[in-house]
C-alpha atoms as a PDB file:
ATOM      1  CA  UNK A   1      95.181  32.409  -0.197  1.00  0.00           C
ATOM      2  CA  UNK A   2      95.774  31.041   3.290  1.00  0.00           C
ATOM      3  CA  UNK A   3      97.451  27.649   3.330  1.00  0.00           C
ATOM      4  CA  UNK A   4      95.921  25.215   5.750  1.00  0.00           C
ATOM      5  CA  UNK A   5      98.654  23.918   8.018  1.00  0.00           C
ATOM      6  CA  UNK A   6      99.054  20.262   8.942  1.00  0.00           C
ATOM      7  CA  UNK A   7      99.503  20.439  12.681  1.00  0.00           C
ATOM      8  CA  UNK A   8     101.450  17.844  14.618  1.00  0.00           C
ATOM      9  CA  UNK A   9     102.128  18.633  18.274  1.00  0.00           C
ATOM     10  CA  UNK A  10     105.444  16.757  18.066  1.00  0.00           C
ATOM     11  CA  UNK A  11     106.493  18.244  14.752  1.00  0.00           C
ATOM     12  CA  UNK A  12     109.235  20.613  15.914  1.00  0.00           C
ATOM     13  CA  UNK A  13     112.556  19.944  14.191  1.00  0.00           C
ATOM     14  CA  UNK A  14     111.123  17.048  12.149  1.00  0.00           C
ATOM     15  CA  UNK A  15     110.971  18.341   8.597  1.00  0.00           C
ATOM     16  CA  UNK A  16     111.709  15.271   6.520  1.00  0.00           C
ATOM     17  CA  UNK A  17     112.270  14.329   2.922  1.00  0.00           C
ATOM     18  CA  UNK A  18     109.277  15.016   0.723  1.00  0.00           C
ATOM     19  CA  UNK A  19     108.247  17.832   3.035  1.00  0.00           C
ATOM     20  CA  UNK A  20     106.462  15.435   5.351  1.00  0.00           C
ATOM     21  CA  UNK A  21     106.392  16.516   8.982  1.00  0.00           C
ATOM     22  CA  UNK A  22     105.812  13.937  11.685  1.00  0.00           C
ATOM     23  CA  UNK A  23     102.450  12.324  11.072  1.00  0.00           C
ATOM     24  CA  UNK A  24     101.123  15.492   9.479  1.00  0.00           C
ATOM     25  CA  UNK A  25     100.579  16.394   5.873  1.00  0.00           C
ATOM     26  CA  UNK A  26     102.631  15.820   2.757  1.00  0.00           C
ATOM     27  CA  UNK A  27     104.061  19.142   1.677  1.00  0.00           C
ATOM     28  CA  UNK A  28     105.370  18.906  -1.846  1.00  0.00           C
ATOM     29  CA  UNK A  29     104.177  15.397  -2.579  1.00  0.00           C
ATOM     30  CA  UNK A  30     103.237  15.251  -6.274  1.00  0.00           C
ATOM     31  CA  UNK A  31     103.785  19.005  -6.573  1.00  0.00           C
ATOM     32  CA  UNK A  32     106.844  18.860  -8.795  1.00  0.00           C
ATOM     33  CA  UNK A  33     109.476  19.822  -6.227  1.00  0.00           C
ATOM     34  CA  UNK A  34     112.331  17.470  -5.375  1.00  0.00           C
ATOM     35  CA  UNK A  35     114.185  17.311  -2.063  1.00  0.00           C
ATOM     36  CA  UNK A  36     117.868  16.748  -1.301  1.00  0.00           C
ATOM     37  CA  UNK A  37     119.725  16.068   1.916  1.00  0.00           C
ATOM     38  CA  UNK A  38     121.919  19.097   2.636  1.00  0.00           C
ATOM     39  CA  UNK A  39     125.438  17.784   3.093  1.00  0.00           C
ATOM     40  CA  UNK A  40     125.889  15.755   6.257  1.00  0.00           C
ATOM     41  CA  UNK A  41     123.062  17.512   8.067  1.00  0.00           C
ATOM     42  CA  UNK A  42     119.627  16.118   8.869  1.00  0.00           C
ATOM     43  CA  UNK A  43     117.987  18.774   6.670  1.00  0.00           C
ATOM     44  CA  UNK A  44     116.098  17.636   3.575  1.00  0.00           C
ATOM     45  CA  UNK A  45     115.680  20.798   1.539  1.00  0.00           C
ATOM     46  CA  UNK A  46     113.522  21.557  -1.459  1.00  0.00           C
ATOM     47  CA  UNK A  47     115.766  22.021  -4.505  1.00  0.00           C
ATOM     48  CA  UNK A  48     114.138  25.421  -4.943  1.00  0.00           C
ATOM     49  CA  UNK A  49     114.648  27.648  -1.919  1.00  0.00           C
ATOM     50  CA  UNK A  50     112.411  30.693  -1.562  1.00  0.00           C
ATOM     51  CA  UNK A  51     114.642  33.740  -1.310  1.00  0.00           C
ATOM     52  CA  UNK A  52     113.136  36.644   0.640  1.00  0.00           C
ATOM     53  CA  UNK A  53     115.762  39.250  -0.211  1.00  0.00           C
ATOM     54  CA  UNK A  54     113.300  41.460  -2.110  1.00  0.00           C
ATOM     55  CA  UNK A  55     110.860  41.802   0.776  1.00  0.00           C
ATOM     56  CA  UNK A  56     110.862  45.395   1.948  1.00  0.00           C
ATOM     57  CA  UNK A  57     113.898  46.311  -0.092  1.00  0.00           C
ATOM     58  CA  UNK A  58     116.468  45.003  -2.551  1.00  0.00           C
ATOM     59  CA  UNK A  59     118.846  42.939  -0.460  1.00  0.00           C
ATOM     60  CA  UNK A  60     120.849  44.779   2.171  1.00  0.00           C
ATOM     61  CA  UNK A  61     121.268  48.155   0.440  1.00  0.00           C
ATOM     62  CA  UNK A  62     119.899  50.875   2.771  1.00  0.00           C
ATOM     63  CA  UNK A  63     119.118  53.215  -0.129  1.00  0.00           C
ATOM     64  CA  UNK A  64     116.701  50.610  -1.485  1.00  0.00           C
ATOM     65  CA  UNK A  65     114.794  49.848   1.714  1.00  0.00           C
ATOM     66  CA  UNK A  66     111.112  50.149   0.891  1.00  0.00           C
ATOM     67  CA  UNK A  67     111.660  49.762  -2.856  1.00  0.00           C
ATOM     68  CA  UNK A  68     111.258  46.006  -3.171  1.00  0.00           C
ATOM     69  CA  UNK A  69     108.132  43.886  -2.713  1.00  0.00           C
ATOM     70  CA  UNK A  70     105.535  45.240  -0.306  1.00  0.00           C
ATOM     71  CA  UNK A  71     104.069  43.158   2.508  1.00  0.00           C
ATOM     72  CA  UNK A  72     100.916  41.886   0.716  1.00  0.00           C
ATOM     73  CA  UNK A  73     103.006  40.898  -2.315  1.00  0.00           C
ATOM     74  CA  UNK A  74     105.437  39.056  -0.043  1.00  0.00           C
ATOM     75  CA  UNK A  75     102.612  37.038   1.526  1.00  0.00           C
ATOM     76  CA  UNK A  76     101.197  36.173  -1.909  1.00  0.00           C
ATOM     77  CA  UNK A  77     104.584  34.858  -3.023  1.00  0.00           C
ATOM     78  CA  UNK A  78     105.146  32.936   0.209  1.00  0.00           C
ATOM     79  CA  UNK A  79     101.701  31.325  -0.039  1.00  0.00           C
ATOM     80  CA  UNK A  80     102.369  30.291  -3.639  1.00  0.00           C
ATOM     81  CA  UNK A  81     105.799  28.878  -2.810  1.00  0.00           C
ATOM     82  CA  UNK A  82     104.408  26.869   0.098  1.00  0.00           C
ATOM     83  CA  UNK A  83     101.533  25.540  -2.008  1.00  0.00           C
ATOM     84  CA  UNK A  84     104.078  24.417  -4.620  1.00  0.00           C
ATOM     85  CA  UNK A  85     105.978  22.350  -2.045  1.00  0.00           C
ATOM     86  CA  UNK A  86     108.906  24.668  -1.357  1.00  0.00           C
ATOM     87  CA  UNK A  87     109.978  23.993   2.212  1.00  0.00           C
ATOM     88  CA  UNK A  88     113.051  26.205   2.746  1.00  0.00           C
ATOM     89  CA  UNK A  89     112.870  29.991   3.149  1.00  0.00           C
ATOM     90  CA  UNK A  90     116.006  32.131   3.012  1.00  0.00           C
ATOM     91  CA  UNK A  91     116.378  35.603   4.530  1.00  0.00           C
ATOM     92  CA  UNK A  92     118.952  37.727   6.383  1.00  0.00           C
ATOM     93  CA  UNK A  93     119.013  40.160   9.275  1.00  0.00           C
ATOM     94  CA  UNK A  94     119.982  42.966   6.875  1.00  0.00           C
ATOM     95  CA  UNK A  95     117.404  42.382   4.124  1.00  0.00           C
ATOM     96  CA  UNK A  96     115.060  45.327   3.877  1.00  0.00           C
ATOM     97  CA  UNK A  97     116.407  46.708   7.146  1.00  0.00           C
ATOM     98  CA  UNK A  98     114.848  43.759   9.022  1.00  0.00           C
ATOM     99  CA  UNK A  99     111.519  43.865   7.179  1.00  0.00           C
ATOM    100  CA  UNK A 100     112.222  40.590   5.387  1.00  0.00           C
ATOM    101  CA  UNK A 101     112.635  38.648   8.632  1.00  0.00           C
ATOM    102  CA  UNK A 102     109.639  40.404  10.193  1.00  0.00           C
ATOM    103  CA  UNK A 103     107.312  39.641   7.294  1.00  0.00           C
ATOM    104  CA  UNK A 104     108.502  36.059   7.023  1.00  0.00           C
ATOM    105  CA  UNK A 105     107.924  35.629  10.756  1.00  0.00           C
ATOM    106  CA  UNK A 106     104.440  37.111  10.546  1.00  0.00           C
ATOM    107  CA  UNK A 107     103.616  34.829   7.615  1.00  0.00           C
ATOM    108  CA  UNK A 108     104.881  31.738   9.449  1.00  0.00           C
ATOM    109  CA  UNK A 109     102.731  32.596  12.461  1.00  0.00           C
ATOM    110  CA  UNK A 110      99.585  33.603  10.596  1.00  0.00           C
ATOM    111  CA  UNK A 111      99.650  30.454   8.446  1.00  0.00           C
ATOM    112  CA  UNK A 112     100.670  28.168  11.304  1.00  0.00           C
ATOM    113  CA  UNK A 113     103.395  26.517   9.230  1.00  0.00           C
ATOM    114  CA  UNK A 114     106.591  27.062  11.222  1.00  0.00           C
ATOM    115  CA  UNK A 115     107.018  23.356  11.915  1.00  0.00           C
ATOM    116  CA  UNK A 116     106.428  22.498   8.262  1.00  0.00           C
ATOM    117  CA  UNK A 117     109.305  24.515   6.826  1.00  0.00           C
ATOM    118  CA  UNK A 118     113.008  25.264   7.242  1.00  0.00           C
ATOM    119  CA  UNK A 119     114.160  28.806   7.947  1.00  0.00           C
ATOM    120  CA  UNK A 120     117.568  30.144   6.957  1.00  0.00           C
ATOM    121  CA  UNK A 121     118.873  33.542   7.943  1.00  0.00           C
ATOM    122  CA  UNK A 122     122.262  35.233   7.847  1.00  0.00           C
ATOM    123  CA  UNK A 123     124.513  37.483   9.876  1.00  0.00           C
ATOM    124  CA  UNK A 124     127.533  39.618   9.041  1.00  0.00           C
ATOM    125  CA  UNK A 125     126.409  42.381   6.702  1.00  0.00           C
ATOM    126  CA  UNK A 126     126.301  45.809   8.252  1.00  0.00           C
ATOM    127  CA  UNK A 127     122.934  46.710   9.756  1.00  0.00           C
ATOM    128  CA  UNK A 128     124.215  50.176  10.680  1.00  0.00           C
ATOM    129  CA  UNK A 129     127.400  52.090   9.847  1.00  0.00           C
ATOM    130  CA  UNK A 130     129.184  50.637  12.874  1.00  0.00           C
ATOM    131  CA  UNK A 131     127.413  47.313  13.416  1.00  0.00           C
ATOM    132  CA  UNK A 132     128.354  44.243  11.383  1.00  0.00           C
ATOM    133  CA  UNK A 133     130.908  41.476  11.054  1.00  0.00           C
ATOM    134  CA  UNK A 134     131.232  38.017  12.522  1.00  0.00           C
ATOM    135  CA  UNK A 135     132.515  38.555  16.043  1.00  0.00           C
ATOM    136  CA  UNK A 136     131.055  36.316  18.726  1.00  0.00           C
ATOM    137  CA  UNK A 137     129.449  39.280  20.464  1.00  0.00           C
ATOM    138  CA  UNK A 138     127.768  40.493  17.276  1.00  0.00           C
ATOM    139  CA  UNK A 139     126.525  36.998  16.416  1.00  0.00           C
ATOM    140  CA  UNK A 140     125.053  36.484  19.903  1.00  0.00           C
ATOM    141  CA  UNK A 141     123.232  39.803  19.724  1.00  0.00           C
ATOM    142  CA  UNK A 142     121.975  39.331  16.183  1.00  0.00           C
ATOM    143  CA  UNK A 143     120.606  35.804  16.578  1.00  0.00           C
ATOM    144  CA  UNK A 144     118.332  37.026  19.373  1.00  0.00           C
ATOM    145  CA  UNK A 145     117.160  39.936  17.222  1.00  0.00           C
ATOM    146  CA  UNK A 146     116.516  37.592  14.282  1.00  0.00           C
ATOM    147  CA  UNK A 147     114.576  35.139  16.440  1.00  0.00           C
ATOM    148  CA  UNK A 148     112.358  37.982  17.659  1.00  0.00           C
ATOM    149  CA  UNK A 149     111.664  39.228  14.138  1.00  0.00           C
ATOM    150  CA  UNK A 150     111.056  35.707  12.842  1.00  0.00           C
ATOM    151  CA  UNK A 151     108.820  34.936  15.842  1.00  0.00           C
ATOM    152  CA  UNK A 152     110.449  31.555  16.325  1.00  0.00           C
ATOM    153  CA  UNK A 153     112.581  29.795  18.923  1.00  0.00           C
ATOM    154  CA  UNK A 154     115.194  28.456  16.486  1.00  0.00           C
ATOM    155  CA  UNK A 155     116.742  28.970  13.086  1.00  0.00           C
ATOM    156  CA  UNK A 156     117.277  25.783  11.101  1.00  0.00           C
ATOM    157  CA  UNK A 157     120.316  27.039   9.208  1.00  0.00           C
ATOM    158  CA  UNK A 158     122.364  30.098  10.233  1.00  0.00           C
ATOM    159  CA  UNK A 159     124.820  31.451   7.679  1.00  0.00           C
ATOM    160  CA  UNK A 160     127.594  33.976   7.592  1.00  0.00           C
ATOM    161  CA  UNK A 161     126.570  36.616   5.048  1.00  0.00           C
ATOM    162  CA  UNK A 162     130.134  37.687   4.297  1.00  0.00           C
ATOM    163  CA  UNK A 163     133.712  36.771   5.080  1.00  0.00           C
ATOM    164  CA  UNK A 164     135.022  38.930   7.916  1.00  0.00           C
ATOM    165  CA  UNK A 165     138.799  39.432   7.665  1.00  0.00           C
ATOM    166  CA  UNK A 166     138.848  41.205  11.043  1.00  0.00           C
ATOM    167  CA  UNK A 167     137.501  38.250  13.045  1.00  0.00           C
ATOM    168  CA  UNK A 168     139.297  34.905  13.386  1.00  0.00           C
ATOM    169  CA  UNK A 169     137.174  32.211  11.779  1.00  0.00           C
ATOM    170  CA  UNK A 170     137.642  30.133  14.948  1.00  0.00           C
ATOM    171  CA  UNK A 171     135.769  32.794  16.910  1.00  0.00           C
ATOM    172  CA  UNK A 172     132.890  32.774  14.437  1.00  0.00           C
ATOM    173  CA  UNK A 173     132.606  28.995  14.368  1.00  0.00           C
ATOM    174  CA  UNK A 174     132.843  28.848  18.156  1.00  0.00           C
ATOM    175  CA  UNK A 175     129.947  31.288  18.424  1.00  0.00           C
ATOM    176  CA  UNK A 176     127.873  29.166  16.054  1.00  0.00           C
ATOM    177  CA  UNK A 177     128.667  26.016  18.037  1.00  0.00           C
ATOM    178  CA  UNK A 178     127.513  27.734  21.231  1.00  0.00           C
ATOM    179  CA  UNK A 179     124.229  28.691  19.549  1.00  0.00           C
ATOM    180  CA  UNK A 180     123.646  25.041  18.630  1.00  0.00           C
ATOM    181  CA  UNK A 181     124.241  24.052  22.256  1.00  0.00           C
ATOM    182  CA  UNK A 182     121.793  26.748  23.348  1.00  0.00           C
ATOM    183  CA  UNK A 183     119.137  25.406  20.958  1.00  0.00           C
ATOM    184  CA  UNK A 184     118.902  28.679  19.026  1.00  0.00           C
ATOM    185  CA  UNK A 185     120.135  27.217  15.730  1.00  0.00           C
ATOM    186  CA  UNK A 186     120.213  23.686  14.360  1.00  0.00           C
ATOM    187  CA  UNK A 187     123.040  24.008  11.822  1.00  0.00           C
ATOM    188  CA  UNK A 188     125.332  26.656  10.394  1.00  0.00           C
ATOM    189  CA  UNK A 189     127.207  27.380   7.210  1.00  0.00           C
ATOM    190  CA  UNK A 190     128.879  30.065   5.160  1.00  0.00           C
ATOM    191  CA  UNK A 191     127.818  32.361   2.342  1.00  0.00           C
ATOM    192  CA  UNK A 192     130.153  34.366   0.117  1.00  0.00           C
ATOM    193  CA  UNK A 193     133.210  32.378   1.192  1.00  0.00           C
ATOM    194  CA  UNK A 194     135.848  31.213  -1.276  1.00  0.00           C
ATOM    195  CA  UNK A 195     136.941  27.604  -1.304  1.00  0.00           C
ATOM    196  CA  UNK A 196     140.139  28.443   0.565  1.00  0.00           C
ATOM    197  CA  UNK A 197     138.243  30.427   3.206  1.00  0.00           C
ATOM    198  CA  UNK A 198     135.840  27.539   3.694  1.00  0.00           C
ATOM    199  CA  UNK A 199     138.766  25.106   3.943  1.00  0.00           C
ATOM    200  CA  UNK A 200     140.202  27.159   6.813  1.00  0.00           C
ATOM    201  CA  UNK A 201     136.954  27.039   8.763  1.00  0.00           C
ATOM    202  CA  UNK A 202     136.826  24.284  11.326  1.00  0.00           C
ATOM    203  CA  UNK A 203     133.715  23.081  13.053  1.00  0.00           C
ATOM    204  CA  UNK A 204     130.840  21.402  11.245  1.00  0.00           C
ATOM    205  CA  UNK A 205     129.389  23.740   8.612  1.00  0.00           C
ATOM    206  CA  UNK A 206     126.758  22.016   6.486  1.00  0.00           C
ATOM    207  CA  UNK A 207     126.217  24.595   3.730  1.00  0.00           C
ATOM    208  CA  UNK A 208     128.110  26.895   1.393  1.00  0.00           C
ATOM    209  CA  UNK A 209     125.823  29.392  -0.331  1.00  0.00           C
ATOM    210  CA  UNK A 210     127.456  31.319  -3.179  1.00  0.00           C
ATOM    211  CA  UNK A 211     126.500  32.890  -6.480  1.00  0.00           C
ATOM    212  CA  UNK A 212     126.488  30.370  -9.324  1.00  0.00           C
ATOM    213  CA  UNK A 213     125.024  30.764 -12.801  1.00  0.00           C
ATOM    214  CA  UNK A 214     125.922  30.720 -16.475  1.00  0.00           C
ATOM    215  CA  UNK A 215     127.797  34.029 -16.322  1.00  0.00           C
ATOM    216  CA  UNK A 216     129.366  33.386 -12.906  1.00  0.00           C
ATOM    217  CA  UNK A 217     130.549  29.795 -13.042  1.00  0.00           C
ATOM    218  CA  UNK A 218     133.143  29.897 -10.282  1.00  0.00           C
ATOM    219  CA  UNK A 219     133.041  26.538  -8.520  1.00  0.00           C
ATOM    220  CA  UNK A 220     136.173  26.794  -6.400  1.00  0.00           C
ATOM    221  CA  UNK A 221     134.208  25.757  -3.331  1.00  0.00           C
ATOM    222  CA  UNK A 222     132.849  22.538  -4.821  1.00  0.00           C
ATOM    223  CA  UNK A 223     135.898  20.397  -4.015  1.00  0.00           C
ATOM    224  CA  UNK A 224     135.965  21.517  -0.382  1.00  0.00           C
ATOM    225  CA  UNK A 225     132.234  20.834  -0.104  1.00  0.00           C
ATOM    226  CA  UNK A 226     132.666  17.333  -1.521  1.00  0.00           C
ATOM    227  CA  UNK A 227     135.563  16.501   0.806  1.00  0.00           C
ATOM    228  CA  UNK A 228     133.834  17.734   3.951  1.00  0.00           C
ATOM    229  CA  UNK A 229     130.256  16.721   3.237  1.00  0.00           C
ATOM    230  CA  UNK A 230     129.050  20.305   2.899  1.00  0.00           C
ATOM    231  CA  UNK A 231     126.028  20.966   0.698  1.00  0.00           C
ATOM    232  CA  UNK A 232     126.315  23.735  -1.907  1.00  0.00           C
ATOM    233  CA  UNK A 233     123.363  25.999  -2.661  1.00  0.00           C
ATOM    234  CA  UNK A 234     123.409  28.572  -5.453  1.00  0.00           C
ATOM    235  CA  UNK A 235     122.048  32.066  -5.103  1.00  0.00           C
ATOM    236  CA  UNK A 236     121.390  34.359  -8.064  1.00  0.00           C
ATOM    237  CA  UNK A 237     120.929  31.422 -10.489  1.00  0.00           C
ATOM    238  CA  UNK A 238     119.555  33.861 -13.096  1.00  0.00           C
ATOM    239  CA  UNK A 239     122.305  36.434 -12.495  1.00  0.00           C
ATOM    240  CA  UNK A 240     119.960  39.041 -11.104  1.00  0.00           C
ATOM    241  CA  UNK A 241     117.612  38.632 -14.067  1.00  0.00           C
ATOM    242  CA  UNK A 242     120.283  38.928 -16.780  1.00  0.00           C
ATOM    243  CA  UNK A 243     119.521  35.378 -17.926  1.00  0.00           C
ATOM    244  CA  UNK A 244     115.795  35.948 -18.359  1.00  0.00           C
ATOM    245  CA  UNK A 245     116.176  37.890 -21.596  1.00  0.00           C
ATOM    246  CA  UNK A 246     114.275  40.873 -20.198  1.00  0.00           C
ATOM    247  CA  UNK A 247     117.220  43.204 -20.765  1.00  0.00           C
ATOM    248  CA  UNK A 248     117.727  42.567 -24.482  1.00  0.00           C
ATOM    249  CA  UNK A 249     116.366  45.966 -25.477  1.00  0.00           C
ATOM    250  CA  UNK A 250     116.883  48.053 -22.377  1.00  0.00           C
ATOM    251  CA  UNK A 251     116.340  48.122 -18.628  1.00  0.00           C
ATOM    252  CA  UNK A 252     112.664  48.095 -17.590  1.00  0.00           C
ATOM    253  CA  UNK A 253     111.745  50.394 -14.709  1.00  0.00           C
ATOM    254  CA  UNK A 254     111.472  48.764 -11.297  1.00  0.00           C
ATOM    255  CA  UNK A 255     113.623  45.748 -12.179  1.00  0.00           C
ATOM    256  CA  UNK A 256     116.684  44.684 -10.198  1.00  0.00           C
ATOM    257  CA  UNK A 257     118.985  46.045 -12.909  1.00  0.00           C
ATOM    258  CA  UNK A 258     117.252  49.418 -12.777  1.00  0.00           C
ATOM    259  CA  UNK A 259     117.490  49.595  -8.995  1.00  0.00           C
ATOM    260  CA  UNK A 260     120.921  48.008  -8.663  1.00  0.00           C
ATOM    261  CA  UNK A 261     122.898  48.721 -11.865  1.00  0.00           C
ATOM    262  CA  UNK A 262     126.080  47.574 -10.112  1.00  0.00           C
ATOM    263  CA  UNK A 263     124.861  43.963  -9.931  1.00  0.00           C
ATOM    264  CA  UNK A 264     126.772  41.938 -12.519  1.00  0.00           C
ATOM    265  CA  UNK A 265     128.047  45.152 -14.085  1.00  0.00           C
ATOM    266  CA  UNK A 266     131.363  43.393 -14.707  1.00  0.00           C
ATOM    267  CA  UNK A 267     129.789  40.942 -17.180  1.00  0.00           C
ATOM    268  CA  UNK A 268     130.885  42.095 -20.667  1.00  0.00           C
ATOM    269  CA  UNK A 269     127.840  42.767 -22.895  1.00  0.00           C
ATOM    270  CA  UNK A 270     129.219  40.472 -25.600  1.00  0.00           C
ATOM    271  CA  UNK A 271     129.592  37.629 -23.093  1.00  0.00           C
ATOM    272  CA  UNK A 272     126.027  38.056 -21.900  1.00  0.00           C
ATOM    273  CA  UNK A 273     124.749  38.184 -25.484  1.00  0.00           C
ATOM    274  CA  UNK A 274     126.543  34.921 -26.306  1.00  0.00           C
ATOM    275  CA  UNK A 275     125.093  33.151 -23.266  1.00  0.00           C
ATOM    276  CA  UNK A 276     121.574  34.392 -24.006  1.00  0.00           C
ATOM    277  CA  UNK A 277     121.924  33.263 -27.624  1.00  0.00           C
ATOM    278  CA  UNK A 278     122.880  29.770 -26.460  1.00  0.00           C
ATOM    279  CA  UNK A 279     119.936  29.731 -24.080  1.00  0.00           C
ATOM    280  CA  UNK A 280     117.674  30.729 -26.974  1.00  0.00           C
ATOM    281  CA  UNK A 281     118.807  27.702 -29.000  1.00  0.00           C
ATOM    282  CA  UNK A 282     118.298  25.139 -26.216  1.00  0.00           C
ATOM    283  CA  UNK A 283     115.001  26.714 -25.099  1.00  0.00           C
ATOM    284  CA  UNK A 284     113.632  26.768 -28.668  1.00  0.00           C
ATOM    285  CA  UNK A 285     114.482  23.099 -29.149  1.00  0.00           C
ATOM    286  CA  UNK A 286     112.580  22.231 -25.973  1.00  0.00           C
ATOM    287  CA  UNK A 287     109.749  24.692 -26.503  1.00  0.00           C
ATOM    288  CA  UNK A 288     110.312  26.436 -23.197  1.00  0.00           C
ATOM    289  CA  UNK A 289     111.605  29.708 -21.766  1.00  0.00           C
ATOM    290  CA  UNK A 290     115.259  30.679 -21.518  1.00  0.00           C
ATOM    291  CA  UNK A 291     115.020  31.425 -17.794  1.00  0.00           C
ATOM    292  CA  UNK A 292     113.720  27.907 -17.215  1.00  0.00           C
ATOM    293  CA  UNK A 293     116.758  26.557 -19.072  1.00  0.00           C
ATOM    294  CA  UNK A 294     119.170  28.840 -17.200  1.00  0.00           C
ATOM    295  CA  UNK A 295     117.835  27.649 -13.852  1.00  0.00           C
ATOM    296  CA  UNK A 296     117.791  24.026 -15.010  1.00  0.00           C
ATOM    297  CA  UNK A 297     121.510  24.354 -15.843  1.00  0.00           C
ATOM    298  CA  UNK A 298     122.167  25.147 -12.171  1.00  0.00           C
ATOM    299  CA  UNK A 299     119.849  22.458 -10.814  1.00  0.00           C
ATOM    300  CA  UNK A 300     121.306  19.705 -13.023  1.00  0.00           C
ATOM    301  CA  UNK A 301     124.839  20.349 -11.775  1.00  0.00           C
ATOM    302  CA  UNK A 302     125.654  17.371  -9.522  1.00  0.00           C
ATOM    303  CA  UNK A 303     127.484  19.678  -7.127  1.00  0.00           C
ATOM    304  CA  UNK A 304     124.374  21.746  -6.393  1.00  0.00           C
ATOM    305  CA  UNK A 305     121.886  20.746  -3.684  1.00  0.00           C
ATOM    306  CA  UNK A 306     119.493  23.606  -4.321  1.00  0.00           C
ATOM    307  CA  UNK A 307     119.037  27.069  -5.773  1.00  0.00           C
ATOM    308  CA  UNK A 308     117.757  30.189  -4.051  1.00  0.00           C
ATOM    309  CA  UNK A 309     115.170  31.869  -6.242  1.00  0.00           C
ATOM    310  CA  UNK A 310     113.636  35.285  -5.660  1.00  0.00           C
ATOM    311  CA  UNK A 311     110.541  35.556  -7.859  1.00  0.00           C
ATOM    312  CA  UNK A 312     108.673  38.855  -7.745  1.00  0.00           C
ATOM    313  CA  UNK A 313     105.504  37.449  -9.318  1.00  0.00           C
ATOM    314  CA  UNK A 314     103.703  34.125  -9.214  1.00  0.00           C
ATOM    315  CA  UNK A 315     104.346  33.803 -12.970  1.00  0.00           C
ATOM    316  CA  UNK A 316     108.081  33.960 -12.277  1.00  0.00           C
ATOM    317  CA  UNK A 317     107.631  31.282  -9.620  1.00  0.00           C
ATOM    318  CA  UNK A 318     105.831  29.066 -12.143  1.00  0.00           C
ATOM    319  CA  UNK A 319     108.739  29.460 -14.564  1.00  0.00           C
ATOM    320  CA  UNK A 320     111.171  28.446 -11.832  1.00  0.00           C
ATOM    321  CA  UNK A 321     109.104  25.389 -10.926  1.00  0.00           C
ATOM    322  CA  UNK A 322     109.251  24.242 -14.553  1.00  0.00           C
ATOM    323  CA  UNK A 323     113.038  24.038 -14.259  1.00  0.00           C
ATOM    324  CA  UNK A 324     112.779  21.308 -11.618  1.00  0.00           C
ATOM    325  CA  UNK A 325     111.527  18.820 -14.228  1.00  0.00           C
ATOM    326  CA  UNK A 326     113.827  20.063 -17.011  1.00  0.00           C
ATOM    327  CA  UNK A 327     116.590  17.455 -17.009  1.00  0.00           C
ATOM    328  CA  UNK A 328     119.232  18.852 -19.319  1.00  0.00           C
ATOM    329  CA  UNK A 329     121.395  16.340 -21.135  1.00  0.00           C
ATOM    330  CA  UNK A 330     125.186  16.486 -21.020  1.00  0.00           C
ATOM    331  CA  UNK A 331     125.139  17.738 -24.614  1.00  0.00           C
ATOM    332  CA  UNK A 332     122.722  20.531 -23.726  1.00  0.00           C
ATOM    333  CA  UNK A 333     124.820  21.538 -20.737  1.00  0.00           C
ATOM    334  CA  UNK A 334     127.923  21.579 -22.881  1.00  0.00           C
ATOM    335  CA  UNK A 335     126.191  23.677 -25.550  1.00  0.00           C
ATOM    336  CA  UNK A 336     125.325  26.307 -22.946  1.00  0.00           C
ATOM    337  CA  UNK A 337     128.962  26.745 -21.930  1.00  0.00           C
ATOM    338  CA  UNK A 338     130.679  26.266 -25.305  1.00  0.00           C
END
């Protein structure tokens, strides 16, 4: 399916709440996706963010390049996400060895929708054995490479992918500020930073993107975000698929757990079983799926502006969309963490 774009010659940098762009169309209106302002930025993001980490690989692991979603599958998922009203797309320079950015850029161009969506990418993970980190020189080089792959003149939100202990945070933030002045990025933020690391960062970050789910409930960055007007977005809201129930009786071939057994390997089996049992109870009472409930738990946290999802099928996307309208009560939330 090719999505017809709503073209507005003055639309650049004008993505607004409800997905509406300039005088163009109404992305997401009446499509079941809500939108939140991201911290103190001017970005209104869809509460579901389309994660592109499986395109051409499984995240940044070189041994898994080529083992994730292929290019046609990526386009099918991107089309479905756009049609559902999702307006933010999250990638990184290291995902799939650059394939993720390339395919996202080709999709944006072929569909003519660049001005209708927000693009997030990241820098910091190693892209070769000797090339990574958050030095100013590396950031300047990598933003130009990302812009080429994405086939765009700006990134809406540029994130650190890791904390770099070898580079002063002032140098990193200064590099980001210079990219804003150059018009190459609109905003910046941090991913995989602790609350204390974020507190030490000066400048004007607008986003903290960390893992957050029912088996990884660390929220030590929430207080810093609230004090500084930084929006929090959660990646891995289903704990790499652990909270879908698909691993009750083994590890299906081709799944994330099969390809990356180290992901969430520190979660004790008895802890996971208890969480899944609680999800079963709440899901049964509502007549829905446990992965919908697990994602709804993240989305109904008042400290969360949005969640990065990475569906591998359109059915998985449909399940995620159902979570947007699943307003868990305080009692239900408490039952899931008892």
